[in-house]
N, C-alpha and C. Protein backbone atom coordinates (compact mmCIF):
# COMPACT_ATOMS: atom_id res chain seq x y z
N UNK A 1 101.74 69.86 24.68
CA UNK A 1 102.23 69.61 25.95
C UNK A 1 101.58 70.19 27.03
N UNK A 2 101.04 70.92 26.99
CA UNK A 2 100.43 71.49 28.18
C UNK A 2 99.00 70.59 28.28
N UNK A 3 98.56 70.16 27.25
CA UNK A 3 97.26 69.28 27.01
C UNK A 3 97.66 67.89 28.16
N UNK A 4 98.75 67.41 27.71
CA UNK A 4 99.19 66.29 28.63
C UNK A 4 99.60 66.47 30.09
N UNK A 5 100.05 67.58 30.29
CA UNK A 5 100.42 67.78 31.77
C UNK A 5 98.93 68.07 32.29
N UNK A 6 98.15 68.60 31.57
CA UNK A 6 96.72 69.10 32.71
C UNK A 6 96.27 67.77 32.83
N UNK A 7 96.21 66.89 32.03
CA UNK A 7 95.24 65.54 31.81
C UNK A 7 95.60 64.61 32.93
N UNK A 8 97.24 64.73 32.93
CA UNK A 8 97.98 63.70 34.03
C UNK A 8 97.65 64.65 35.19
N UNK A 9 97.50 66.09 35.65
CA UNK A 9 97.32 66.29 36.94
C UNK A 9 96.15 66.24 37.27
N UNK A 10 94.90 66.25 36.43
CA UNK A 10 93.76 66.10 36.87
C UNK A 10 93.30 64.39 37.31
N UNK A 11 94.00 63.64 36.35
CA UNK A 11 94.12 62.22 37.15
C UNK A 11 94.78 62.19 38.33
N UNK A 12 95.84 62.56 38.63
CA UNK A 12 96.18 62.41 39.86
C UNK A 12 95.42 63.43 40.80
N UNK A 13 94.81 64.12 40.68
CA UNK A 13 94.02 64.91 42.01
C UNK A 13 92.62 64.17 41.87
N UNK A 14 92.00 63.40 40.78
CA UNK A 14 91.10 62.60 41.35
C UNK A 14 91.46 61.41 41.98
N UNK A 15 92.49 60.79 41.77
CA UNK A 15 93.12 59.79 42.55
C UNK A 15 93.33 60.16 44.03
N UNK A 16 93.94 61.06 44.19
CA UNK A 16 94.43 61.68 45.48
C UNK A 16 92.74 62.18 46.32
N UNK A 17 92.21 62.63 45.52
CA UNK A 17 90.68 63.26 46.15
C UNK A 17 90.17 61.80 46.53
N UNK A 18 90.12 60.95 45.88
CA UNK A 18 89.36 59.52 46.01
C UNK A 18 89.79 58.81 47.22
N UNK A 19 91.47 58.95 47.73
CA UNK A 19 91.88 58.70 48.67
C UNK A 19 91.60 59.39 49.83
N UNK A 20 91.65 60.76 49.71
CA UNK A 20 91.36 61.35 50.94
C UNK A 20 89.78 61.31 51.11
N UNK A 21 88.56 61.14 50.48
CA UNK A 21 87.54 61.10 50.77
C UNK A 21 87.35 59.73 51.39
N UNK A 22 88.02 58.62 50.95
CA UNK A 22 88.22 57.23 51.52
C UNK A 22 88.69 57.24 53.22
N UNK A 23 89.70 58.21 53.52
CA UNK A 23 89.89 58.38 54.78
C UNK A 23 88.76 59.28 55.51
N UNK A 24 88.50 60.18 55.39
CA UNK A 24 87.45 60.95 55.49
C UNK A 24 86.08 59.80 55.93
N UNK A 25 85.84 58.93 55.13
CA UNK A 25 84.76 58.05 55.70
C UNK A 25 84.84 56.97 56.73
N UNK A 26 86.03 57.10 57.13
CA UNK A 26 86.38 56.28 58.23
C UNK A 26 86.65 57.09 59.58
N UNK A 27 86.52 58.26 59.54
CA UNK A 27 86.60 59.14 60.80
C UNK A 27 85.07 59.06 61.41
N UNK A 28 85.10 59.54 62.64
CA UNK A 28 83.84 60.15 63.13
C UNK A 28 83.44 61.59 62.59
N UNK A 29 82.13 61.56 63.02
CA UNK A 29 81.63 62.52 62.20
C UNK A 29 81.92 64.05 62.69
N UNK A 30 82.61 64.07 63.76
CA UNK A 30 83.03 65.68 64.28
C UNK A 30 84.47 66.03 63.47
N UNK A 31 85.37 65.03 63.59
CA UNK A 31 86.76 64.85 62.88
C UNK A 31 86.45 64.98 61.38
N UNK A 32 85.61 64.21 60.64
CA UNK A 32 85.30 64.43 59.59
C UNK A 32 84.84 65.54 59.02
N UNK A 33 83.81 66.41 59.73
CA UNK A 33 83.43 67.63 59.42
C UNK A 33 84.64 68.78 59.39
N UNK A 34 85.43 68.56 60.28
CA UNK A 34 86.55 69.80 60.37
C UNK A 34 87.34 69.12 59.10
N UNK A 35 87.71 68.32 59.02
CA UNK A 35 88.85 67.82 57.81
C UNK A 35 88.28 68.03 56.71
N UNK A 36 86.98 68.00 56.42
CA UNK A 36 86.11 68.04 55.15
C UNK A 36 86.57 69.55 54.77
N UNK A 37 85.93 70.65 55.88
CA UNK A 37 86.02 72.01 55.55
C UNK A 37 87.77 72.39 55.13
N UNK A 38 88.78 71.84 55.85
CA UNK A 38 89.98 71.93 55.34
C UNK A 38 90.31 71.50 54.09
N UNK A 39 89.73 70.20 53.84
CA UNK A 39 89.95 69.87 52.55
C UNK A 39 89.37 70.27 51.16
N UNK A 40 88.38 71.23 51.56
CA UNK A 40 87.55 72.08 50.69
C UNK A 40 88.29 73.41 50.23
N UNK A 41 89.09 73.55 51.25
CA UNK A 41 89.90 74.83 51.02
C UNK A 41 89.46 75.93 51.35
N UNK A 42 89.42 76.19 52.95
CA UNK A 42 88.53 77.18 53.44
C UNK A 42 89.81 78.18 54.26
N UNK A 43 89.22 79.32 54.33
CA UNK A 43 89.84 80.44 55.02
C UNK A 43 88.87 80.97 56.33
N UNK A 44 87.69 80.12 56.57
CA UNK A 44 87.00 80.38 57.70
C UNK A 44 87.81 80.17 59.09
N UNK A 45 87.72 81.34 60.03
CA UNK A 45 88.29 80.81 61.18
C UNK A 45 89.90 81.06 61.26
N UNK A 46 90.61 81.72 60.14
CA UNK A 46 91.94 81.96 59.97
C UNK A 46 92.06 83.06 60.12
N UNK A 47 92.95 83.54 61.07
CA UNK A 47 93.44 84.80 61.32
C UNK A 47 94.88 85.43 61.34
N UNK A 48 95.51 86.16 61.52
CA UNK A 48 96.99 86.77 61.00
C UNK A 48 97.51 85.58 61.98
N UNK A 49 97.33 85.19 63.20
CA UNK A 49 98.18 84.08 64.06
C UNK A 49 98.47 82.88 63.15
N UNK A 50 97.35 82.75 62.17
CA UNK A 50 97.49 81.52 61.35
C UNK A 50 98.17 81.56 60.39
N UNK A 51 98.40 82.59 59.79
CA UNK A 51 99.21 83.14 58.76
C UNK A 51 100.83 83.40 59.07
N UNK A 52 101.24 83.40 60.24
CA UNK A 52 102.48 83.61 60.55
C UNK A 52 103.75 82.45 60.30
N UNK A 53 103.39 81.41 60.31
CA UNK A 53 104.37 80.24 59.89
C UNK A 53 104.10 80.71 58.26
N UNK A 54 103.47 80.98 57.34
CA UNK A 54 103.53 81.16 56.21
C UNK A 54 104.56 82.18 56.03
N UNK A 55 104.34 83.20 56.66
CA UNK A 55 105.07 84.55 56.28
C UNK A 55 106.12 84.12 56.66
N UNK A 56 106.66 83.39 57.61
CA UNK A 56 108.35 83.28 57.69
C UNK A 56 108.97 82.19 56.93
N UNK A 57 107.94 81.34 56.55
CA UNK A 57 108.47 80.44 55.16
C UNK A 57 108.51 81.19 53.89
N UNK A 58 107.71 82.25 53.52
CA UNK A 58 108.01 82.89 52.48
C UNK A 58 109.30 84.04 52.56
N UNK A 59 109.33 84.44 53.58
CA UNK A 59 110.45 85.29 53.91
C UNK A 59 111.89 84.64 53.72
N UNK A 60 111.76 83.27 54.48
CA UNK A 60 113.09 82.84 54.45
C UNK A 60 113.20 81.86 53.04
N UNK A 61 112.26 81.54 52.33
CA UNK A 61 112.24 80.99 50.90
C UNK A 61 112.31 81.73 49.76
N UNK A 62 111.88 82.96 50.06
CA UNK A 62 111.75 84.06 48.60
C UNK A 62 112.98 84.17 48.20
N UNK A 63 114.12 84.18 48.70
CA UNK A 63 115.58 84.35 48.05
C UNK A 63 115.85 83.55 47.23
N UNK A 64 115.55 82.07 47.53
CA UNK A 64 115.95 80.64 47.07
C UNK A 64 115.07 81.01 45.95
N UNK A 65 113.52 81.02 45.86
CA UNK A 65 112.74 81.29 44.77
C UNK A 65 112.78 82.13 43.66
N UNK A 66 113.36 83.18 44.22
CA UNK A 66 113.93 84.27 43.03
C UNK A 66 115.10 83.62 42.45
N UNK A 67 116.10 83.04 42.80
CA UNK A 67 117.27 82.40 42.34
C UNK A 67 116.81 81.31 41.50
N UNK A 68 115.96 80.32 41.72
CA UNK A 68 115.56 79.48 40.96
C UNK A 68 114.43 80.01 39.81
N UNK A 69 113.94 80.95 39.78
CA UNK A 69 113.34 81.62 38.67
C UNK A 69 114.22 82.16 37.55
N UNK A 70 115.34 82.94 38.10
CA UNK A 70 116.15 83.27 37.38
C UNK A 70 117.01 81.96 36.73
N UNK A 71 117.45 81.09 37.28
CA UNK A 71 117.98 79.83 36.93
C UNK A 71 117.17 79.18 35.94
N UNK A 72 115.77 78.84 36.00
CA UNK A 72 114.85 78.10 35.40
C UNK A 72 114.48 79.09 33.94
N UNK A 73 115.02 80.48 34.30
CA UNK A 73 114.75 80.87 32.60
C UNK A 73 115.63 80.76 31.53
N UNK A 74 116.70 80.15 32.13
CA UNK A 74 117.97 79.93 31.21
C UNK A 74 117.26 78.18 30.57
N UNK A 75 116.54 77.49 31.22
CA UNK A 75 116.09 76.50 30.77
C UNK A 75 114.95 76.41 29.68
N UNK A 76 114.48 77.72 29.40
CA UNK A 76 113.31 77.91 28.53
C UNK A 76 113.94 77.87 27.15
N UNK A 77 115.08 77.93 27.06
CA UNK A 77 115.83 77.76 25.51
C UNK A 77 115.88 76.49 25.32
N UNK A 78 117.04 75.82 26.00
CA UNK A 78 117.34 74.66 25.69
C UNK A 78 118.35 74.25 26.61
N UNK A 79 118.17 72.85 27.05
CA UNK A 79 118.96 72.06 28.11
C UNK A 79 120.79 72.50 27.88
N UNK A 80 121.07 72.05 26.42
CA UNK A 80 122.29 72.40 26.22
C UNK A 80 123.04 73.85 26.40
N UNK A 81 122.32 74.58 25.69
CA UNK A 81 122.62 75.98 25.75
C UNK A 81 122.49 76.55 27.36
N UNK A 82 121.76 76.08 28.40
CA UNK A 82 121.73 76.37 29.72
C UNK A 82 123.12 75.83 30.20
N UNK A 83 123.36 74.50 29.78
CA UNK A 83 124.87 74.14 30.42
C UNK A 83 125.81 74.72 29.98
N UNK A 84 126.12 75.18 28.58
CA UNK A 84 127.01 76.32 28.11
C UNK A 84 127.09 77.45 29.02
N UNK A 85 125.90 77.98 29.32
CA UNK A 85 126.05 79.22 30.30
C UNK A 85 126.57 78.65 31.74
N UNK A 86 126.80 77.52 32.14
CA UNK A 86 127.25 77.14 33.31
C UNK A 86 126.10 76.94 34.31
N UNK A 87 125.01 76.58 33.91
CA UNK A 87 123.73 76.12 34.53
C UNK A 87 123.67 74.55 35.15
N UNK A 88 123.60 74.41 36.07
CA UNK A 88 123.35 72.65 36.62
C UNK A 88 121.92 72.29 36.38
N UNK A 89 121.54 71.96 35.35
CA UNK A 89 120.03 71.66 35.30
C UNK A 89 119.38 70.78 36.17
N UNK A 90 119.99 69.73 36.66
CA UNK A 90 119.47 69.21 37.46
C UNK A 90 119.26 69.59 38.83
N UNK A 91 120.31 69.99 39.46
CA UNK A 91 120.23 70.85 40.62
C UNK A 91 119.41 71.94 40.50
N UNK A 92 119.36 72.58 39.50
CA UNK A 92 118.33 73.87 39.57
C UNK A 92 116.75 73.52 39.47
N UNK A 93 116.52 72.27 38.77
CA UNK A 93 115.22 71.99 38.93
C UNK A 93 114.76 71.24 40.33
N UNK A 94 115.81 70.67 40.92
CA UNK A 94 115.50 69.91 42.10
C UNK A 94 115.25 71.15 43.22
N UNK A 95 116.05 72.18 43.07
CA UNK A 95 115.96 73.14 44.01
C UNK A 95 114.65 73.77 43.79
N UNK A 96 114.31 74.23 42.42
CA UNK A 96 113.26 74.58 42.21
C UNK A 96 111.75 73.84 42.90
N UNK A 97 111.96 72.70 42.47
CA UNK A 97 111.07 71.55 42.92
C UNK A 97 110.53 71.82 44.35
N UNK A 98 111.74 71.59 44.99
CA UNK A 98 111.72 71.62 46.88
C UNK A 98 111.14 72.74 47.06
N UNK A 99 111.57 73.80 46.63
CA UNK A 99 111.10 75.24 47.10
C UNK A 99 109.86 75.40 46.91
N UNK A 100 109.10 75.11 45.74
CA UNK A 100 107.84 75.33 45.42
C UNK A 100 107.08 74.41 46.37
N UNK A 101 107.52 73.03 46.56
CA UNK A 101 106.65 72.23 47.37
C UNK A 101 106.42 72.67 48.94
N UNK A 102 107.64 73.04 49.40
CA UNK A 102 107.46 73.87 50.57
C UNK A 102 106.80 74.71 51.10
N UNK A 103 106.87 75.80 49.76
CA UNK A 103 105.96 77.03 49.82
C UNK A 103 104.62 76.58 49.92
N UNK A 104 104.12 75.67 48.90
CA UNK A 104 102.75 75.16 48.63
C UNK A 104 102.18 74.44 49.91
N UNK A 105 103.15 73.55 50.41
CA UNK A 105 102.59 72.86 51.64
C UNK A 105 102.29 74.08 52.94
N UNK A 106 103.26 74.94 53.09
CA UNK A 106 102.73 76.07 53.79
C UNK A 106 101.57 76.50 54.07
N UNK A 107 101.13 77.17 52.68
CA UNK A 107 99.91 77.51 52.15
C UNK A 107 98.90 76.28 52.57
N UNK A 108 98.71 75.23 51.93
CA UNK A 108 98.22 74.12 52.24
C UNK A 108 97.65 73.68 53.83
N UNK A 109 98.91 73.84 54.44
CA UNK A 109 98.82 73.53 55.89
C UNK A 109 97.66 74.49 56.65
N UNK A 110 97.55 75.83 56.22
CA UNK A 110 96.89 77.06 56.64
C UNK A 110 95.51 76.99 56.41
N UNK A 111 95.12 76.64 54.75
CA UNK A 111 93.91 76.99 54.34
C UNK A 111 93.39 75.48 53.52
N UNK A 112 93.98 74.74 53.56
CA UNK A 112 93.73 73.57 52.77
C UNK A 112 94.17 73.60 51.47
N UNK A 113 94.05 72.81 50.62
CA UNK A 113 94.08 72.67 48.92
C UNK A 113 93.02 73.59 48.33
N UNK A 114 93.37 74.27 47.44
CA UNK A 114 92.74 75.40 47.08
C UNK A 114 92.83 75.42 45.37
N UNK A 115 92.10 74.59 44.68
CA UNK A 115 92.41 74.19 43.32
C UNK A 115 92.37 75.27 42.34
N UNK A 116 93.17 75.09 41.33
CA UNK A 116 93.38 76.00 40.23
C UNK A 116 93.99 77.45 40.59
N UNK A 117 94.47 77.71 41.90
CA UNK A 117 95.27 78.91 41.85
C UNK A 117 96.73 78.61 41.61
N UNK A 118 97.50 77.69 41.63
CA UNK A 118 98.43 77.13 41.16
C UNK A 118 98.63 76.92 39.61
N UNK A 119 97.81 76.81 39.19
CA UNK A 119 97.55 76.69 37.49
C UNK A 119 97.05 78.13 36.86
N UNK A 120 96.43 78.91 37.62
CA UNK A 120 96.01 80.30 36.61
C UNK A 120 96.80 81.20 37.30
N UNK A 121 97.24 81.27 38.30
CA UNK A 121 98.21 82.58 38.67
C UNK A 121 99.52 82.27 38.17
N UNK A 122 100.21 81.52 37.66
CA UNK A 122 101.40 81.69 36.88
C UNK A 122 101.09 82.06 35.17
N UNK A 123 99.90 81.70 34.75
CA UNK A 123 99.48 81.82 33.66
C UNK A 123 99.35 83.34 33.35
N UNK A 124 98.25 83.92 34.24
CA UNK A 124 97.94 85.21 34.22
C UNK A 124 99.18 86.02 34.49
N UNK A 125 100.08 85.57 35.11
CA UNK A 125 101.56 86.72 35.48
C UNK A 125 102.17 86.46 34.31
N UNK A 126 102.63 85.33 33.70
CA UNK A 126 103.41 85.25 32.21
C UNK A 126 102.55 86.38 31.33
N UNK A 127 101.37 86.30 31.29
CA UNK A 127 100.89 86.92 30.32
C UNK A 127 101.11 88.64 30.53
N UNK A 128 101.23 88.90 31.98
CA UNK A 128 101.38 90.30 32.22
C UNK A 128 102.76 90.70 32.17
N UNK A 129 103.70 89.85 32.52
CA UNK A 129 104.79 89.90 32.45
C UNK A 129 105.75 90.16 30.91
N UNK A 130 104.86 89.53 30.08
CA UNK A 130 105.64 89.50 28.83
C UNK A 130 105.82 87.97 28.21
N UNK A 131 106.23 88.09 26.91
CA UNK A 131 106.58 86.82 26.33
C UNK A 131 107.87 86.31 26.73
N UNK A 132 108.00 85.21 27.40
CA UNK A 132 109.36 84.64 27.52
C UNK A 132 109.81 84.94 28.97
N UNK A 133 108.91 85.61 29.77
CA UNK A 133 109.59 86.14 31.10
C UNK A 133 108.49 85.20 32.24
N UNK A 134 109.07 85.04 33.15
CA UNK A 134 108.48 84.27 34.54
C UNK A 134 108.54 85.19 35.32
N UNK A 135 107.04 85.71 35.97
CA UNK A 135 106.93 86.68 36.81
C UNK A 135 106.55 85.88 38.36
N UNK A 136 107.61 85.94 39.10
CA UNK A 136 107.37 85.28 40.33
C UNK A 136 106.78 86.27 41.35
N UNK A 137 107.03 87.57 41.45
CA UNK A 137 106.22 88.27 42.30
C UNK A 137 104.82 88.39 41.84
N UNK A 138 104.57 88.63 40.21
CA UNK A 138 103.09 88.70 39.82
C UNK A 138 102.20 87.01 40.04
N UNK A 139 103.05 86.53 39.98
CA UNK A 139 102.27 85.23 40.05
C UNK A 139 102.03 84.98 41.67
N UNK A 140 103.11 85.39 42.69
CA UNK A 140 102.34 85.41 44.09
C UNK A 140 101.38 86.26 44.14
N UNK A 141 101.29 87.45 43.88
CA UNK A 141 100.34 88.57 44.29
C UNK A 141 98.93 88.30 43.46
N UNK A 142 98.89 87.54 42.06
CA UNK A 142 97.88 87.44 41.64
C UNK A 142 97.04 86.07 42.21
N UNK A 143 97.99 85.05 42.55
CA UNK A 143 97.42 84.01 43.44
C UNK A 143 96.72 84.40 44.96
N UNK A 144 97.37 85.24 45.46
CA UNK A 144 96.54 85.91 46.90
C UNK A 144 95.23 86.69 46.59
N UNK A 145 95.40 87.49 45.24
CA UNK A 145 94.27 87.78 45.00
C UNK A 145 93.10 86.94 44.65
N UNK A 146 93.56 86.17 43.74
CA UNK A 146 92.53 84.98 43.61
C UNK A 146 91.86 84.58 44.98
N UNK A 147 92.67 83.99 45.55
CA UNK A 147 92.40 83.62 46.86
C UNK A 147 91.16 84.40 47.60
N UNK A 148 91.64 85.49 47.96
CA UNK A 148 90.96 86.39 48.71
C UNK A 148 89.53 86.75 47.99
N UNK A 149 89.78 86.99 46.98
CA UNK A 149 88.45 87.32 46.02
C UNK A 149 87.63 86.02 46.31
N UNK A 150 88.11 84.67 46.26
CA UNK A 150 87.34 83.54 46.17
C UNK A 150 86.65 83.45 47.64
N UNK A 151 87.33 83.73 48.50
CA UNK A 151 86.81 83.73 49.90
C UNK A 151 85.65 84.74 50.15
N UNK A 152 85.98 86.14 49.78
CA UNK A 152 84.97 86.85 49.75
C UNK A 152 83.84 86.84 48.88
N UNK A 153 83.67 86.17 47.91
CA UNK A 153 82.55 85.61 47.17
C UNK A 153 81.90 84.60 47.95
N UNK A 154 82.70 83.54 48.51
CA UNK A 154 82.05 82.45 49.33
C UNK A 154 81.15 83.14 50.61
N UNK A 155 81.84 84.18 50.98
CA UNK A 155 81.03 84.49 52.12
C UNK A 155 79.90 85.41 51.85
N UNK A 156 79.70 86.00 50.58
CA UNK A 156 78.76 87.00 50.37
C UNK A 156 77.64 86.26 49.63
N UNK A 157 77.87 85.31 48.49
CA UNK A 157 76.83 84.77 47.62
C UNK A 157 75.71 84.22 48.14
N UNK A 158 75.82 83.42 49.36
CA UNK A 158 74.68 82.82 49.85
C UNK A 158 74.26 83.80 51.16
N UNK A 159 74.99 84.53 51.38
CA UNK A 159 74.44 85.29 52.70
C UNK A 159 74.33 84.84 54.10
N UNK A 160 73.50 83.77 54.20
CA UNK A 160 73.09 83.22 55.47
C UNK A 160 74.23 82.19 55.82
N UNK A 161 74.97 81.56 54.49
CA UNK A 161 75.93 80.22 54.94
C UNK A 161 77.01 80.94 53.93
N UNK A 162 78.12 80.10 54.10
CA UNK A 162 79.34 80.68 53.86
C UNK A 162 79.97 79.22 52.92
N UNK A 163 80.47 79.53 51.44
CA UNK A 163 80.91 78.54 50.63
C UNK A 163 82.48 78.74 50.92
N UNK A 164 83.40 77.69 50.93
CA UNK A 164 84.80 77.60 50.97
C UNK A 164 85.29 78.31 49.80
N UNK A 165 86.72 78.96 50.02
CA UNK A 165 87.23 79.45 48.96
C UNK A 165 87.54 78.62 47.83
N UNK A 166 87.71 77.22 48.55
CA UNK A 166 88.37 76.32 47.49
C UNK A 166 86.94 75.85 46.38
N UNK A 167 85.92 75.68 47.29
CA UNK A 167 84.56 75.71 46.24
C UNK A 167 84.45 76.67 44.98
N UNK A 168 84.60 77.85 45.39
CA UNK A 168 84.55 79.02 44.11
C UNK A 168 85.74 78.99 43.36
N UNK A 169 86.87 78.46 43.89
CA UNK A 169 87.83 78.45 42.94
C UNK A 169 87.53 77.31 41.96
N UNK A 170 87.26 76.19 42.47
CA UNK A 170 86.84 75.17 41.59
C UNK A 170 85.49 75.25 40.71
N UNK A 171 84.50 76.20 41.03
CA UNK A 171 83.61 76.76 40.05
C UNK A 171 84.06 77.67 39.01
N UNK A 172 85.19 78.42 39.31
CA UNK A 172 85.72 79.26 38.37
C UNK A 172 86.79 78.76 37.46
N UNK A 173 87.37 77.59 38.25
CA UNK A 173 88.70 77.21 37.45
C UNK A 173 88.33 76.12 36.20
N UNK A 174 87.19 75.71 36.35
CA UNK A 174 86.72 74.59 35.19
C UNK A 174 86.61 75.44 34.11
N UNK A 175 85.95 76.62 33.92
CA UNK A 175 86.08 77.46 32.69
C UNK A 175 87.22 78.09 32.28
N UNK A 176 88.19 78.42 33.54
CA UNK A 176 89.38 78.81 32.94
C UNK A 176 90.39 77.67 32.36
N UNK A 177 90.25 76.34 33.12
CA UNK A 177 91.03 75.40 32.32
C UNK A 177 90.39 75.13 30.76
N UNK A 178 89.16 75.12 30.55
CA UNK A 178 88.77 74.85 29.13
C UNK A 178 89.17 76.10 28.65
N UNK A 179 89.30 77.21 28.96
CA UNK A 179 89.74 78.50 27.97
C UNK A 179 91.49 78.14 27.73
N UNK A 180 92.05 77.90 28.72
CA UNK A 180 93.46 77.23 28.72
C UNK A 180 93.70 76.51 27.60
N UNK A 181 92.88 75.52 27.81
CA UNK A 181 93.17 74.38 26.70
C UNK A 181 92.93 74.94 25.17
N UNK A 182 91.72 75.50 25.11
CA UNK A 182 91.36 76.05 23.82
C UNK A 182 92.02 76.79 23.36
N UNK A 183 92.64 77.86 24.09
CA UNK A 183 93.51 78.91 23.46
C UNK A 183 94.85 78.27 23.28
N UNK A 184 95.21 77.10 23.80
CA UNK A 184 96.55 76.30 23.84
C UNK A 184 96.44 75.59 22.37
N UNK A 185 95.30 75.24 22.09
CA UNK A 185 94.88 74.28 20.86
C UNK A 185 94.89 75.23 19.66
N UNK A 186 94.38 76.49 19.74
CA UNK A 186 94.26 77.42 18.71
C UNK A 186 95.87 77.55 18.38
N UNK A 187 96.45 78.14 19.37
CA UNK A 187 97.77 78.54 19.06
C UNK A 187 98.84 77.61 18.52
N UNK A 188 98.31 76.27 18.90
CA UNK A 188 98.86 75.33 17.90
C UNK A 188 98.78 74.94 16.53
N UNK A 189 97.51 75.33 16.24
CA UNK A 189 96.72 75.42 14.88
C UNK A 189 97.64 76.38 14.21
N UNK A 190 97.43 77.59 14.60
CA UNK A 190 97.98 79.10 13.93
C UNK A 190 99.35 78.86 13.70
């Protein structure tokens, strides 16, 4: 199941990337340069004032996200079992999806799309939290550490030039994706 979701995600990402590059090719050079830096996922030039809308959104949506995690954990068993426990499955899924989309949109609005963070942070968090548990707080903390680490590496690695955090995450995300796919297949065989 993980394999199919990853392949679909990679295909959609490739399609959207091609569309954004087509739009970039139609812009003036000055605008295209700024848009490209954002689309690569960069924290360059961002300060605490840029993070204010994200902080407000996180504070406003964190209770809703926490509620979604608790409800979604019931869906890990079975839809029928969750229904017998009084869970409205469809409402819970829509609520979780909309909360995740708004939170991701706030983050992407500030620094652009940084690939593999949304994939890797929950995997690491679930391994830290233990079998069958979803760790909302650990996933958020791990995601933020990944982005800050990627930004730091991007600022230090070349010395005279800066690589966007999104480029570093892409470089590290490829091997992580391979590890995830290979470990999923080994677990399926065992």
